[in-house]
Amino acid sequence: MEEVTVRFTESEVFHTFIYAGDLKLLYFLMILMFLDIGTGIGKSIKNKNLWSRKALFGFSRKIFIFFIVILANIIDQVLGLNGGLVVLTIFFYMANEGLSIVENCAEMGVLIPKEISEKLNVIKSTKGDATDSLKNDFINENKKEDDESLR
């Protein structure tokens, strides 16, 4: 009798509800995420502000990125966009992770081209979006709870 093996990533359920695009893009996004986490930890160690709540918020953001990719895949399937939306979503997050890696490296003292450094400074000065305010609220609220529990 012949044995048939089907990987979950090759199943119709996976392609319909999880991710229908090229898995290489998803793997590359994962690699960029791990590099971002690594450079973020390195930056925190260098700046002597390694803080578990900040790291927890960063890790949860990475997980939510995958939820957004899954949602983009489902919308892509429903609207029949042939993978356009999910690929665009992954490219957006790949660019975001790449920018974060460069920013972390710059803060660790790694030499980067002057033009990129200037653009990073412009981005930093205009930063202040909803994600940052949400992160600060989360960190400050939990810090207050920690301070109260120590009393």
C-alpha atoms as a PDB file:
ATOM      1  CA  MET A   1       0.000   0.000   0.000  1.00  0.00           C
ATOM      2  CA  GLU A   2       1.259   3.464  -0.872  1.00  0.00           C
ATOM      3  CA  GLU A   3       1.677   6.032   1.873  1.00  0.00           C
ATOM      4  CA  VAL A   4       0.518   9.585   1.185  1.00  0.00           C
ATOM      5  CA  THR A   5       1.901  12.482   3.214  1.00  0.00           C
ATOM      6  CA  VAL A   6       0.461  15.969   2.997  1.00  0.00           C
ATOM      7  CA  ARG A   7       2.019  18.873   4.846  1.00  0.00           C
ATOM      8  CA  PHE A   8      -0.290  21.360   6.502  1.00  0.00           C
ATOM      9  CA  THR A   9       1.217  24.171   4.409  1.00  0.00           C
ATOM     10  CA  GLU A  10       0.147  22.311   1.263  1.00  0.00           C
ATOM     11  CA  SER A  11      -3.455  21.843   2.376  1.00  0.00           C
ATOM     12  CA  GLU A  12      -6.411  23.782   1.016  1.00  0.00           C
ATOM     13  CA  VAL A  13      -7.348  24.972   4.511  1.00  0.00           C
ATOM     14  CA  PHE A  14      -3.921  26.564   4.961  1.00  0.00           C
ATOM     15  CA  HIS A  15      -4.071  28.301   1.586  1.00  0.00           C
ATOM     16  CA  THR A  16      -7.602  29.567   2.125  1.00  0.00           C
ATOM     17  CA  PHE A  17      -7.495  30.693   5.734  1.00  0.00           C
ATOM     18  CA  ILE A  18      -3.832  31.222   6.642  1.00  0.00           C
ATOM     19  CA  TYR A  19      -1.592  32.123   3.709  1.00  0.00           C
ATOM     20  CA  ALA A  20      -1.957  31.499  -0.015  1.00  0.00           C
ATOM     21  CA  GLY A  21       1.154  33.305  -1.240  1.00  0.00           C
ATOM     22  CA  ASP A  22       4.742  32.236  -1.676  1.00  0.00           C
ATOM     23  CA  LEU A  23       6.047  30.862   1.620  1.00  0.00           C
ATOM     24  CA  LYS A  24       9.488  32.295   0.873  1.00  0.00           C
ATOM     25  CA  LEU A  25       8.117  35.801   1.493  1.00  0.00           C
ATOM     26  CA  LEU A  26       6.683  34.705   4.818  1.00  0.00           C
ATOM     27  CA  TYR A  27       9.982  33.037   5.779  1.00  0.00           C
ATOM     28  CA  PHE A  28      11.891  36.198   4.862  1.00  0.00           C
ATOM     29  CA  LEU A  29       9.512  38.274   6.993  1.00  0.00           C
ATOM     30  CA  MET A  30      10.152  35.892   9.904  1.00  0.00           C
ATOM     31  CA  ILE A  31      13.921  36.216   9.449  1.00  0.00           C
ATOM     32  CA  LEU A  32      13.625  40.009   9.456  1.00  0.00           C
ATOM     33  CA  MET A  33      11.513  39.838  12.609  1.00  0.00           C
ATOM     34  CA  PHE A  34      14.125  37.724  14.401  1.00  0.00           C
ATOM     35  CA  LEU A  35      16.871  40.100  13.270  1.00  0.00           C
ATOM     36  CA  ASP A  36      14.824  43.038  14.539  1.00  0.00           C
ATOM     37  CA  ILE A  37      14.326  41.332  17.898  1.00  0.00           C
ATOM     38  CA  GLY A  38      18.051  40.561  18.095  1.00  0.00           C
ATOM     39  CA  THR A  39      19.145  44.077  17.215  1.00  0.00           C
ATOM     40  CA  GLY A  40      16.514  45.493  19.571  1.00  0.00           C
ATOM     41  CA  ILE A  41      17.878  43.417  22.436  1.00  0.00           C
ATOM     42  CA  GLY A  42      21.415  44.470  21.502  1.00  0.00           C
ATOM     43  CA  LYS A  43      20.372  48.125  21.485  1.00  0.00           C
ATOM     44  CA  SER A  44      18.669  47.732  24.855  1.00  0.00           C
ATOM     45  CA  ILE A  45      21.749  46.107  26.372  1.00  0.00           C
ATOM     46  CA  LYS A  46      23.979  48.867  24.999  1.00  0.00           C
ATOM     47  CA  ASN A  47      21.661  51.579  26.328  1.00  0.00           C
ATOM     48  CA  LYS A  48      21.227  49.655  29.615  1.00  0.00           C
ATOM     49  CA  ASN A  49      17.454  49.774  29.440  1.00  0.00           C
ATOM     50  CA  LEU A  50      16.499  46.165  28.824  1.00  0.00           C
ATOM     51  CA  TRP A  51      12.957  46.074  30.140  1.00  0.00           C
ATOM     52  CA  SER A  52      10.661  43.071  29.998  1.00  0.00           C
ATOM     53  CA  ARG A  53       7.424  45.026  29.481  1.00  0.00           C
ATOM     54  CA  LYS A  54       8.849  46.832  26.470  1.00  0.00           C
ATOM     55  CA  ALA A  55      10.059  43.518  25.049  1.00  0.00           C
ATOM     56  CA  LEU A  56       6.681  41.913  25.707  1.00  0.00           C
ATOM     57  CA  PHE A  57       4.937  44.711  23.818  1.00  0.00           C
ATOM     58  CA  GLY A  58       7.390  44.307  20.921  1.00  0.00           C
ATOM     59  CA  PHE A  59       6.870  40.544  20.763  1.00  0.00           C
ATOM     60  CA  SER A  60       3.100  40.930  20.848  1.00  0.00           C
ATOM     61  CA  ARG A  61       3.329  43.385  17.945  1.00  0.00           C
ATOM     62  CA  LYS A  62       5.192  40.738  15.930  1.00  0.00           C
ATOM     63  CA  ILE A  63       2.435  38.213  16.611  1.00  0.00           C
ATOM     64  CA  PHE A  64      -0.244  40.700  15.569  1.00  0.00           C
ATOM     65  CA  ILE A  65       1.611  41.263  12.291  1.00  0.00           C
ATOM     66  CA  PHE A  66       0.948  37.611  11.455  1.00  0.00           C
ATOM     67  CA  PHE A  67      -2.731  38.066  12.315  1.00  0.00           C
ATOM     68  CA  ILE A  68      -2.861  41.020   9.920  1.00  0.00           C
ATOM     69  CA  VAL A  69      -1.194  38.929   7.190  1.00  0.00           C
ATOM     70  CA  ILE A  70      -3.791  36.189   7.765  1.00  0.00           C
ATOM     71  CA  LEU A  71      -6.595  38.771   7.586  1.00  0.00           C
ATOM     72  CA  ALA A  72      -5.116  40.218   4.381  1.00  0.00           C
ATOM     73  CA  ASN A  73      -5.008  36.696   2.938  1.00  0.00           C
ATOM     74  CA  ILE A  74      -8.678  36.085   3.725  1.00  0.00           C
ATOM     75  CA  ILE A  75      -9.700  39.451   2.249  1.00  0.00           C
ATOM     76  CA  ASP A  76      -7.542  38.654  -0.776  1.00  0.00           C
ATOM     77  CA  GLN A  77      -9.329  35.316  -1.232  1.00  0.00           C
ATOM     78  CA  VAL A  78     -12.795  36.844  -0.816  1.00  0.00           C
ATOM     79  CA  LEU A  79     -12.149  39.693  -3.252  1.00  0.00           C
ATOM     80  CA  GLY A  80     -10.285  37.457  -5.704  1.00  0.00           C
ATOM     81  CA  LEU A  81      -7.190  39.660  -5.872  1.00  0.00           C
ATOM     82  CA  ASN A  82      -4.889  36.728  -6.736  1.00  0.00           C
ATOM     83  CA  GLY A  83      -2.458  37.378  -3.893  1.00  0.00           C
ATOM     84  CA  GLY A  84      -1.956  41.083  -4.508  1.00  0.00           C
ATOM     85  CA  LEU A  85      -3.151  42.302  -1.118  1.00  0.00           C
ATOM     86  CA  VAL A  86      -1.264  39.721   0.925  1.00  0.00           C
ATOM     87  CA  VAL A  87       1.990  40.321  -0.969  1.00  0.00           C
ATOM     88  CA  LEU A  88       1.609  44.077  -0.532  1.00  0.00           C
ATOM     89  CA  THR A  89       0.958  43.584   3.191  1.00  0.00           C
ATOM     90  CA  ILE A  90       4.050  41.408   3.596  1.00  0.00           C
ATOM     91  CA  PHE A  91       6.224  43.863   1.653  1.00  0.00           C
ATOM     92  CA  PHE A  92       4.996  46.664   3.913  1.00  0.00           C
ATOM     93  CA  TYR A  93       5.969  44.738   7.036  1.00  0.00           C
ATOM     94  CA  MET A  94       9.281  43.631   5.504  1.00  0.00           C
ATOM     95  CA  ALA A  95      10.139  47.290   4.847  1.00  0.00           C
ATOM     96  CA  ASN A  96       9.036  48.203   8.367  1.00  0.00           C
ATOM     97  CA  GLU A  97      11.226  45.476   9.900  1.00  0.00           C
ATOM     98  CA  GLY A  98      14.182  46.454   7.706  1.00  0.00           C
ATOM     99  CA  LEU A  99      13.873  50.076   8.764  1.00  0.00           C
ATOM    100  CA  SER A 100      13.691  49.028  12.402  1.00  0.00           C
ATOM    101  CA  ILE A 101      16.836  46.891  12.019  1.00  0.00           C
ATOM    102  CA  VAL A 102      18.745  49.806  10.485  1.00  0.00           C
ATOM    103  CA  GLU A 103      17.485  52.128  13.229  1.00  0.00           C
ATOM    104  CA  ASN A 104      18.559  49.673  15.948  1.00  0.00           C
ATOM    105  CA  CYS A 105      21.980  49.258  14.341  1.00  0.00           C
ATOM    106  CA  ALA A 106      22.421  53.030  14.134  1.00  0.00           C
ATOM    107  CA  GLU A 107      21.598  53.377  17.833  1.00  0.00           C
ATOM    108  CA  MET A 108      24.154  50.651  18.632  1.00  0.00           C
ATOM    109  CA  GLY A 109      26.839  52.650  16.856  1.00  0.00           C
ATOM    110  CA  VAL A 110      27.057  50.671  13.612  1.00  0.00           C
ATOM    111  CA  LEU A 111      28.136  52.942  10.775  1.00  0.00           C
ATOM    112  CA  ILE A 112      25.392  53.616   8.271  1.00  0.00           C
ATOM    113  CA  PRO A 113      25.399  55.931   5.256  1.00  0.00           C
ATOM    114  CA  LYS A 114      24.876  59.621   6.004  1.00  0.00           C
ATOM    115  CA  GLU A 115      21.754  59.860   3.816  1.00  0.00           C
ATOM    116  CA  ILE A 116      20.068  57.008   5.655  1.00  0.00           C
ATOM    117  CA  SER A 117      21.047  58.525   9.005  1.00  0.00           C
ATOM    118  CA  GLU A 118      19.503  61.861   8.023  1.00  0.00           C
ATOM    119  CA  LYS A 119      16.283  60.154   6.908  1.00  0.00           C
ATOM    120  CA  LEU A 120      16.135  58.220  10.190  1.00  0.00           C
ATOM    121  CA  ASN A 121      16.449  61.485  12.105  1.00  0.00           C
ATOM    122  CA  VAL A 122      13.570  62.955  10.086  1.00  0.00           C
ATOM    123  CA  ILE A 123      11.459  59.878  10.772  1.00  0.00           C
ATOM    124  CA  LYS A 124      12.280  60.012  14.493  1.00  0.00           C
ATOM    125  CA  SER A 125      11.362  63.690  14.741  1.00  0.00           C
ATOM    126  CA  THR A 126       7.985  63.150  13.051  1.00  0.00           C
ATOM    127  CA  LYS A 127       7.271  59.940  14.957  1.00  0.00           C
ATOM    128  CA  GLY A 128       4.392  59.942  17.375  1.00  0.00           C
ATOM    129  CA  ASP A 129       1.709  57.832  15.824  1.00  0.00           C
ATOM    130  CA  ALA A 130      -1.057  55.853  17.496  1.00  0.00           C
ATOM    131  CA  THR A 131       1.177  52.825  18.029  1.00  0.00           C
ATOM    132  CA  ASP A 132       3.648  54.825  20.094  1.00  0.00           C
ATOM    133  CA  SER A 133       0.943  56.372  22.248  1.00  0.00           C
ATOM    134  CA  LEU A 134      -0.670  52.955  22.761  1.00  0.00           C
ATOM    135  CA  LYS A 135       2.702  51.467  23.709  1.00  0.00           C
ATOM    136  CA  ASN A 136       3.414  54.270  26.171  1.00  0.00           C
ATOM    137  CA  ASP A 137      -0.042  53.892  27.737  1.00  0.00           C
ATOM    138  CA  PHE A 138       0.492  50.132  28.098  1.00  0.00           C
ATOM    139  CA  ILE A 139       3.942  50.547  29.617  1.00  0.00           C
ATOM    140  CA  ASN A 140       2.956  53.361  31.984  1.00  0.00           C
ATOM    141  CA  GLU A 141      -0.203  51.588  33.163  1.00  0.00           C
ATOM    142  CA  ASN A 142       1.653  48.376  33.924  1.00  0.00           C
ATOM    143  CA  LYS A 143       4.500  50.276  35.566  1.00  0.00           C
ATOM    144  CA  LYS A 144       1.975  51.921  37.914  1.00  0.00           C
ATOM    145  CA  GLU A 145       0.525  48.492  38.745  1.00  0.00           C
ATOM    146  CA  ASP A 146       4.024  47.165  39.476  1.00  0.00           C
ATOM    147  CA  ASP A 147       4.807  50.151  41.692  1.00  0.00           C
ATOM    148  CA  GLU A 148       1.547  49.698  43.616  1.00  0.00           C
ATOM    149  CA  SER A 149       2.154  45.972  44.108  1.00  0.00           C
ATOM    150  CA  LEU A 150       5.589  46.706  45.587  1.00  0.00           C
ATOM    151  CA  ARG A 151       4.070  48.940  48.277  1.00  0.00           C
END
